[in-house]
């Protein structure tokens, strides 16, 4: 008996979020500069004495509350996004040894960035709801603001605030920012369950 399409989507969503959390954990463990939002989470964890995953969950909840005045409707994937990524980041950082050689740090960084491709493809492709931050951006865009400008402004504020709080900014931050887009763009069409495909193409999942 084949699993229902809804169950398949849920499994793919959770698997994608786990890959995203592991990827972010590896980037942090590389200690070459965190992903832009994780610079903020890192700074908060340093100041508040909490784990970076807990900081990520806390920020995610606050951002999700901003959906209320924007009248955005979260999906089950939106809520899972907040908790699964943060928990997986903490678990990853708890079980991996932080590398002390540059080649190993670079390997952690590149593997972490690479995992964001299939992770995003599975999560976004499940169609169970956008991430908390993306929902705020689309909500503001519906009110006449340009998505690109809104996204850039929000990420610059998050990065700058995190840096001032003690988060790590470095070459890893740049590699993540530059590398994630093309990586996700390659994976998403191959893992997107929301799009019908010609019979000749194999459909993932």
C-alpha atoms as a PDB file:
ATOM      1  CA  UNK A   1       0.000   0.000   0.000  1.00  0.00           C
ATOM      2  CA  UNK A   2       1.440   3.321  -1.063  1.00  0.00           C
ATOM      3  CA  UNK A   3       1.543   6.190   1.460  1.00  0.00           C
ATOM      4  CA  UNK A   4      -0.940   9.000   0.926  1.00  0.00           C
ATOM      5  CA  UNK A   5       0.292  12.104  -0.933  1.00  0.00           C
ATOM      6  CA  UNK A   6      -0.275  14.174   2.219  1.00  0.00           C
ATOM      7  CA  UNK A   7       1.869  11.850   4.341  1.00  0.00           C
ATOM      8  CA  UNK A   8       4.546  11.835   1.652  1.00  0.00           C
ATOM      9  CA  UNK A   9       4.585  15.625   1.664  1.00  0.00           C
ATOM     10  CA  UNK A  10       4.876  15.723   5.449  1.00  0.00           C
ATOM     11  CA  UNK A  11       7.776  13.263   5.465  1.00  0.00           C
ATOM     12  CA  UNK A  12       9.568  15.219   2.737  1.00  0.00           C
ATOM     13  CA  UNK A  13       8.936  18.467   4.603  1.00  0.00           C
ATOM     14  CA  UNK A  14      10.433  17.148   7.855  1.00  0.00           C
ATOM     15  CA  UNK A  15      13.370  15.521   6.052  1.00  0.00           C
ATOM     16  CA  UNK A  16      14.067  18.792   4.256  1.00  0.00           C
ATOM     17  CA  UNK A  17      13.989  20.747   7.518  1.00  0.00           C
ATOM     18  CA  UNK A  18      16.358  18.253   9.144  1.00  0.00           C
ATOM     19  CA  UNK A  19      18.811  18.708   6.266  1.00  0.00           C
ATOM     20  CA  UNK A  20      18.529  22.490   6.650  1.00  0.00           C
ATOM     21  CA  UNK A  21      19.219  22.247  10.380  1.00  0.00           C
ATOM     22  CA  UNK A  22      22.201  19.949   9.879  1.00  0.00           C
ATOM     23  CA  UNK A  23      23.531  22.267   7.188  1.00  0.00           C
ATOM     24  CA  UNK A  24      23.287  25.316   9.419  1.00  0.00           C
ATOM     25  CA  UNK A  25      24.865  23.404  12.293  1.00  0.00           C
ATOM     26  CA  UNK A  26      27.840  22.440  10.121  1.00  0.00           C
ATOM     27  CA  UNK A  27      28.285  26.039   8.943  1.00  0.00           C
ATOM     28  CA  UNK A  28      28.319  27.225  12.570  1.00  0.00           C
ATOM     29  CA  UNK A  29      30.694  24.405  13.571  1.00  0.00           C
ATOM     30  CA  UNK A  30      33.076  25.416  10.764  1.00  0.00           C
ATOM     31  CA  UNK A  31      33.577  28.707  12.640  1.00  0.00           C
ATOM     32  CA  UNK A  32      34.347  30.628   9.450  1.00  0.00           C
ATOM     33  CA  UNK A  33      31.291  32.862   9.691  1.00  0.00           C
ATOM     34  CA  UNK A  34      27.667  31.890  10.201  1.00  0.00           C
ATOM     35  CA  UNK A  35      24.745  32.223   7.788  1.00  0.00           C
ATOM     36  CA  UNK A  36      23.243  35.758   7.935  1.00  0.00           C
ATOM     37  CA  UNK A  37      20.303  34.924  10.231  1.00  0.00           C
ATOM     38  CA  UNK A  38      22.468  32.619  12.334  1.00  0.00           C
ATOM     39  CA  UNK A  39      24.800  35.524  13.059  1.00  0.00           C
ATOM     40  CA  UNK A  40      21.800  36.998  14.901  1.00  0.00           C
ATOM     41  CA  UNK A  41      20.986  33.674  16.580  1.00  0.00           C
ATOM     42  CA  UNK A  42      24.632  33.299  17.573  1.00  0.00           C
ATOM     43  CA  UNK A  43      24.743  36.783  19.058  1.00  0.00           C
ATOM     44  CA  UNK A  44      21.560  36.177  21.042  1.00  0.00           C
ATOM     45  CA  UNK A  45      22.850  32.838  22.305  1.00  0.00           C
ATOM     46  CA  UNK A  46      26.029  34.522  23.532  1.00  0.00           C
ATOM     47  CA  UNK A  47      24.186  37.333  25.288  1.00  0.00           C
ATOM     48  CA  UNK A  48      21.367  35.270  26.780  1.00  0.00           C
ATOM     49  CA  UNK A  49      23.284  32.117  27.635  1.00  0.00           C
ATOM     50  CA  UNK A  50      21.073  29.869  25.515  1.00  0.00           C
ATOM     51  CA  UNK A  51      21.838  27.494  22.664  1.00  0.00           C
ATOM     52  CA  UNK A  52      21.877  28.802  19.114  1.00  0.00           C
ATOM     53  CA  UNK A  53      19.011  26.461  18.277  1.00  0.00           C
ATOM     54  CA  UNK A  54      16.909  27.891  21.101  1.00  0.00           C
ATOM     55  CA  UNK A  55      17.703  31.388  19.854  1.00  0.00           C
ATOM     56  CA  UNK A  56      16.647  30.342  16.353  1.00  0.00           C
ATOM     57  CA  UNK A  57      13.351  28.980  17.673  1.00  0.00           C
ATOM     58  CA  UNK A  58      12.729  32.150  19.694  1.00  0.00           C
ATOM     59  CA  UNK A  59      13.393  34.427  16.732  1.00  0.00           C
ATOM     60  CA  UNK A  60      11.223  32.212  14.537  1.00  0.00           C
ATOM     61  CA  UNK A  61       8.297  32.536  16.955  1.00  0.00           C
ATOM     62  CA  UNK A  62       8.667  36.327  17.088  1.00  0.00           C
ATOM     63  CA  UNK A  63       8.800  36.527  13.290  1.00  0.00           C
ATOM     64  CA  UNK A  64       5.778  34.239  13.045  1.00  0.00           C
ATOM     65  CA  UNK A  65       3.811  36.608  15.284  1.00  0.00           C
ATOM     66  CA  UNK A  66       4.462  39.324  12.697  1.00  0.00           C
ATOM     67  CA  UNK A  67       2.248  37.326  10.332  1.00  0.00           C
ATOM     68  CA  UNK A  68      -0.827  38.331  12.349  1.00  0.00           C
ATOM     69  CA  UNK A  69      -1.029  42.003  11.283  1.00  0.00           C
ATOM     70  CA  UNK A  70       0.055  40.992   7.768  1.00  0.00           C
ATOM     71  CA  UNK A  71      -2.825  38.480   7.629  1.00  0.00           C
ATOM     72  CA  UNK A  72      -0.605  35.696   6.419  1.00  0.00           C
ATOM     73  CA  UNK A  73      -1.755  32.129   7.069  1.00  0.00           C
ATOM     74  CA  UNK A  74       0.939  29.694   8.203  1.00  0.00           C
ATOM     75  CA  UNK A  75       0.923  26.080   7.099  1.00  0.00           C
ATOM     76  CA  UNK A  76       2.013  23.064   9.091  1.00  0.00           C
ATOM     77  CA  UNK A  77       5.401  23.346   7.400  1.00  0.00           C
ATOM     78  CA  UNK A  78       5.746  26.910   8.678  1.00  0.00           C
ATOM     79  CA  UNK A  79       5.355  25.803  12.293  1.00  0.00           C
ATOM     80  CA  UNK A  80       7.615  22.788  11.812  1.00  0.00           C
ATOM     81  CA  UNK A  81      10.223  25.108  10.279  1.00  0.00           C
ATOM     82  CA  UNK A  82      10.515  27.063  13.524  1.00  0.00           C
ATOM     83  CA  UNK A  83      11.112  24.060  15.757  1.00  0.00           C
ATOM     84  CA  UNK A  84      12.757  21.366  13.622  1.00  0.00           C
ATOM     85  CA  UNK A  85      15.586  23.524  12.270  1.00  0.00           C
ATOM     86  CA  UNK A  86      16.520  24.897  15.695  1.00  0.00           C
ATOM     87  CA  UNK A  87      16.421  21.482  17.371  1.00  0.00           C
ATOM     88  CA  UNK A  88      18.430  19.867  14.574  1.00  0.00           C
ATOM     89  CA  UNK A  89      21.055  22.613  14.721  1.00  0.00           C
ATOM     90  CA  UNK A  90      21.580  21.999  18.429  1.00  0.00           C
ATOM     91  CA  UNK A  91      21.735  18.230  17.933  1.00  0.00           C
ATOM     92  CA  UNK A  92      24.278  18.616  15.127  1.00  0.00           C
ATOM     93  CA  UNK A  93      26.491  20.892  17.200  1.00  0.00           C
ATOM     94  CA  UNK A  94      26.242  18.448  20.118  1.00  0.00           C
ATOM     95  CA  UNK A  95      27.409  15.402  18.156  1.00  0.00           C
ATOM     96  CA  UNK A  96      30.054  16.779  15.775  1.00  0.00           C
ATOM     97  CA  UNK A  97      33.542  17.752  16.833  1.00  0.00           C
ATOM     98  CA  UNK A  98      34.384  21.272  15.751  1.00  0.00           C
ATOM     99  CA  UNK A  99      37.283  21.088  13.288  1.00  0.00           C
ATOM    100  CA  UNK A 100      40.538  22.839  14.131  1.00  0.00           C
ATOM    101  CA  UNK A 101      42.207  22.556  10.723  1.00  0.00           C
ATOM    102  CA  UNK A 102      41.354  24.929   7.904  1.00  0.00           C
ATOM    103  CA  UNK A 103      40.683  22.199   5.325  1.00  0.00           C
ATOM    104  CA  UNK A 104      38.224  20.512   7.703  1.00  0.00           C
ATOM    105  CA  UNK A 105      36.541  23.831   8.467  1.00  0.00           C
ATOM    106  CA  UNK A 106      36.174  24.466   4.738  1.00  0.00           C
ATOM    107  CA  UNK A 107      34.730  20.961   4.263  1.00  0.00           C
ATOM    108  CA  UNK A 108      32.143  21.564   7.011  1.00  0.00           C
ATOM    109  CA  UNK A 109      31.229  24.909   5.468  1.00  0.00           C
ATOM    110  CA  UNK A 110      30.836  23.570   1.925  1.00  0.00           C
ATOM    111  CA  UNK A 111      28.881  20.502   3.054  1.00  0.00           C
ATOM    112  CA  UNK A 112      26.593  22.710   5.127  1.00  0.00           C
ATOM    113  CA  UNK A 113      25.917  25.022   2.188  1.00  0.00           C
ATOM    114  CA  UNK A 114      25.389  22.048  -0.143  1.00  0.00           C
ATOM    115  CA  UNK A 115      22.809  20.474   2.201  1.00  0.00           C
ATOM    116  CA  UNK A 116      20.693  23.590   1.802  1.00  0.00           C
ATOM    117  CA  UNK A 117      20.014  22.595  -1.805  1.00  0.00           C
ATOM    118  CA  UNK A 118      18.218  19.277  -1.270  1.00  0.00           C
ATOM    119  CA  UNK A 119      16.906  20.475   2.092  1.00  0.00           C
ATOM    120  CA  UNK A 120      15.210  23.508   0.576  1.00  0.00           C
ATOM    121  CA  UNK A 121      14.031  21.480  -2.407  1.00  0.00           C
ATOM    122  CA  UNK A 122      12.298  18.948  -0.155  1.00  0.00           C
ATOM    123  CA  UNK A 123      10.876  21.547   2.233  1.00  0.00           C
ATOM    124  CA  UNK A 124       9.665  24.115  -0.292  1.00  0.00           C
ATOM    125  CA  UNK A 125       8.638  21.406  -2.730  1.00  0.00           C
ATOM    126  CA  UNK A 126       6.368  19.785  -0.134  1.00  0.00           C
ATOM    127  CA  UNK A 127       4.080  22.819  -0.416  1.00  0.00           C
ATOM    128  CA  UNK A 128       3.173  22.768   3.290  1.00  0.00           C
ATOM    129  CA  UNK A 129       3.869  26.420   4.010  1.00  0.00           C
ATOM    130  CA  UNK A 130       6.604  28.994   3.598  1.00  0.00           C
ATOM    131  CA  UNK A 131       9.221  29.758   6.217  1.00  0.00           C
ATOM    132  CA  UNK A 132       8.411  32.412   8.854  1.00  0.00           C
ATOM    133  CA  UNK A 133      10.750  35.016   7.352  1.00  0.00           C
ATOM    134  CA  UNK A 134       9.524  34.414   3.803  1.00  0.00           C
ATOM    135  CA  UNK A 135       5.941  34.900   4.953  1.00  0.00           C
ATOM    136  CA  UNK A 136       6.769  38.338   6.345  1.00  0.00           C
ATOM    137  CA  UNK A 137       8.462  39.289   3.092  1.00  0.00           C
ATOM    138  CA  UNK A 138       5.574  38.161   0.901  1.00  0.00           C
ATOM    139  CA  UNK A 139       3.094  39.849   3.238  1.00  0.00           C
ATOM    140  CA  UNK A 140       4.944  43.150   2.948  1.00  0.00           C
ATOM    141  CA  UNK A 141       5.285  42.682  -0.809  1.00  0.00           C
ATOM    142  CA  UNK A 142       1.503  42.388  -1.113  1.00  0.00           C
ATOM    143  CA  UNK A 143       1.322  45.856   0.379  1.00  0.00           C
ATOM    144  CA  UNK A 144       3.326  47.350  -2.449  1.00  0.00           C
ATOM    145  CA  UNK A 145       6.895  46.891  -1.229  1.00  0.00           C
ATOM    146  CA  UNK A 146       9.462  45.222  -3.465  1.00  0.00           C
ATOM    147  CA  UNK A 147      10.384  41.722  -2.311  1.00  0.00           C
ATOM    148  CA  UNK A 148      14.072  42.130  -3.160  1.00  0.00           C
ATOM    149  CA  UNK A 149      14.411  45.335  -1.191  1.00  0.00           C
ATOM    150  CA  UNK A 150      12.420  44.006   1.752  1.00  0.00           C
ATOM    151  CA  UNK A 151      14.483  40.818   1.897  1.00  0.00           C
ATOM    152  CA  UNK A 152      17.774  42.684   1.652  1.00  0.00           C
ATOM    153  CA  UNK A 153      16.766  45.199   4.323  1.00  0.00           C
ATOM    154  CA  UNK A 154      15.597  42.521   6.769  1.00  0.00           C
ATOM    155  CA  UNK A 155      18.695  40.378   6.296  1.00  0.00           C
ATOM    156  CA  UNK A 156      21.056  43.339   6.646  1.00  0.00           C
ATOM    157  CA  UNK A 157      19.328  44.321   9.908  1.00  0.00           C
ATOM    158  CA  UNK A 158      19.512  40.728  11.193  1.00  0.00           C
ATOM    159  CA  UNK A 159      23.173  40.410  10.203  1.00  0.00           C
ATOM    160  CA  UNK A 160      24.153  43.795  11.630  1.00  0.00           C
ATOM    161  CA  UNK A 161      22.312  43.230  14.902  1.00  0.00           C
ATOM    162  CA  UNK A 162      23.838  39.779  15.258  1.00  0.00           C
ATOM    163  CA  UNK A 163      27.330  41.123  14.623  1.00  0.00           C
ATOM    164  CA  UNK A 164      26.879  43.813  17.276  1.00  0.00           C
ATOM    165  CA  UNK A 165      25.707  41.138  19.720  1.00  0.00           C
ATOM    166  CA  UNK A 166      28.823  39.049  19.097  1.00  0.00           C
ATOM    167  CA  UNK A 167      27.818  36.767  16.227  1.00  0.00           C
ATOM    168  CA  UNK A 168      30.537  35.518  13.879  1.00  0.00           C
ATOM    169  CA  UNK A 169      30.766  37.162  10.464  1.00  0.00           C
ATOM    170  CA  UNK A 170      33.393  35.879   8.061  1.00  0.00           C
ATOM    171  CA  UNK A 171      34.101  34.237   4.743  1.00  0.00           C
ATOM    172  CA  UNK A 172      31.541  31.559   5.602  1.00  0.00           C
ATOM    173  CA  UNK A 173      28.825  34.201   5.754  1.00  0.00           C
ATOM    174  CA  UNK A 174      29.708  35.317   2.236  1.00  0.00           C
ATOM    175  CA  UNK A 175      29.997  31.763   0.886  1.00  0.00           C
ATOM    176  CA  UNK A 176      26.585  30.911   2.325  1.00  0.00           C
ATOM    177  CA  UNK A 177      24.940  34.061   0.979  1.00  0.00           C
ATOM    178  CA  UNK A 178      26.386  33.567  -2.513  1.00  0.00           C
ATOM    179  CA  UNK A 179      26.194  29.782  -2.736  1.00  0.00           C
ATOM    180  CA  UNK A 180      22.728  28.982  -1.414  1.00  0.00           C
ATOM    181  CA  UNK A 181      20.732  30.641  -4.212  1.00  0.00           C
ATOM    182  CA  UNK A 182      22.156  28.701  -7.185  1.00  0.00           C
ATOM    183  CA  UNK A 183      22.197  25.507  -5.125  1.00  0.00           C
ATOM    184  CA  UNK A 184      18.499  25.758  -4.246  1.00  0.00           C
ATOM    185  CA  UNK A 185      17.651  26.803  -7.809  1.00  0.00           C
ATOM    186  CA  UNK A 186      19.188  23.552  -9.095  1.00  0.00           C
ATOM    187  CA  UNK A 187      17.485  21.269  -6.571  1.00  0.00           C
ATOM    188  CA  UNK A 188      13.998  22.771  -6.309  1.00  0.00           C
ATOM    189  CA  UNK A 189      12.687  21.812  -9.784  1.00  0.00           C
ATOM    190  CA  UNK A 190      13.868  18.255  -9.175  1.00  0.00           C
ATOM    191  CA  UNK A 191      12.167  17.867  -5.782  1.00  0.00           C
ATOM    192  CA  UNK A 192       9.059  20.034  -6.157  1.00  0.00           C
ATOM    193  CA  UNK A 193       5.866  18.021  -5.558  1.00  0.00           C
ATOM    194  CA  UNK A 194       3.695  21.044  -6.320  1.00  0.00           C
ATOM    195  CA  UNK A 195       4.354  20.927 -10.061  1.00  0.00           C
ATOM    196  CA  UNK A 196       2.978  18.390 -12.477  1.00  0.00           C
ATOM    197  CA  UNK A 197       5.654  16.769 -14.593  1.00  0.00           C
ATOM    198  CA  UNK A 198       5.526  15.051 -17.960  1.00  0.00           C
ATOM    199  CA  UNK A 199       5.241  11.275 -17.646  1.00  0.00           C
ATOM    200  CA  UNK A 200       8.708  10.890 -19.111  1.00  0.00           C
ATOM    201  CA  UNK A 201      10.266  12.629 -16.112  1.00  0.00           C
ATOM    202  CA  UNK A 202      10.689  10.737 -12.884  1.00  0.00           C
ATOM    203  CA  UNK A 203       8.953  12.434 -10.017  1.00  0.00           C
ATOM    204  CA  UNK A 204      10.901  12.449  -6.770  1.00  0.00           C
ATOM    205  CA  UNK A 205       9.059  10.833  -3.844  1.00  0.00           C
END
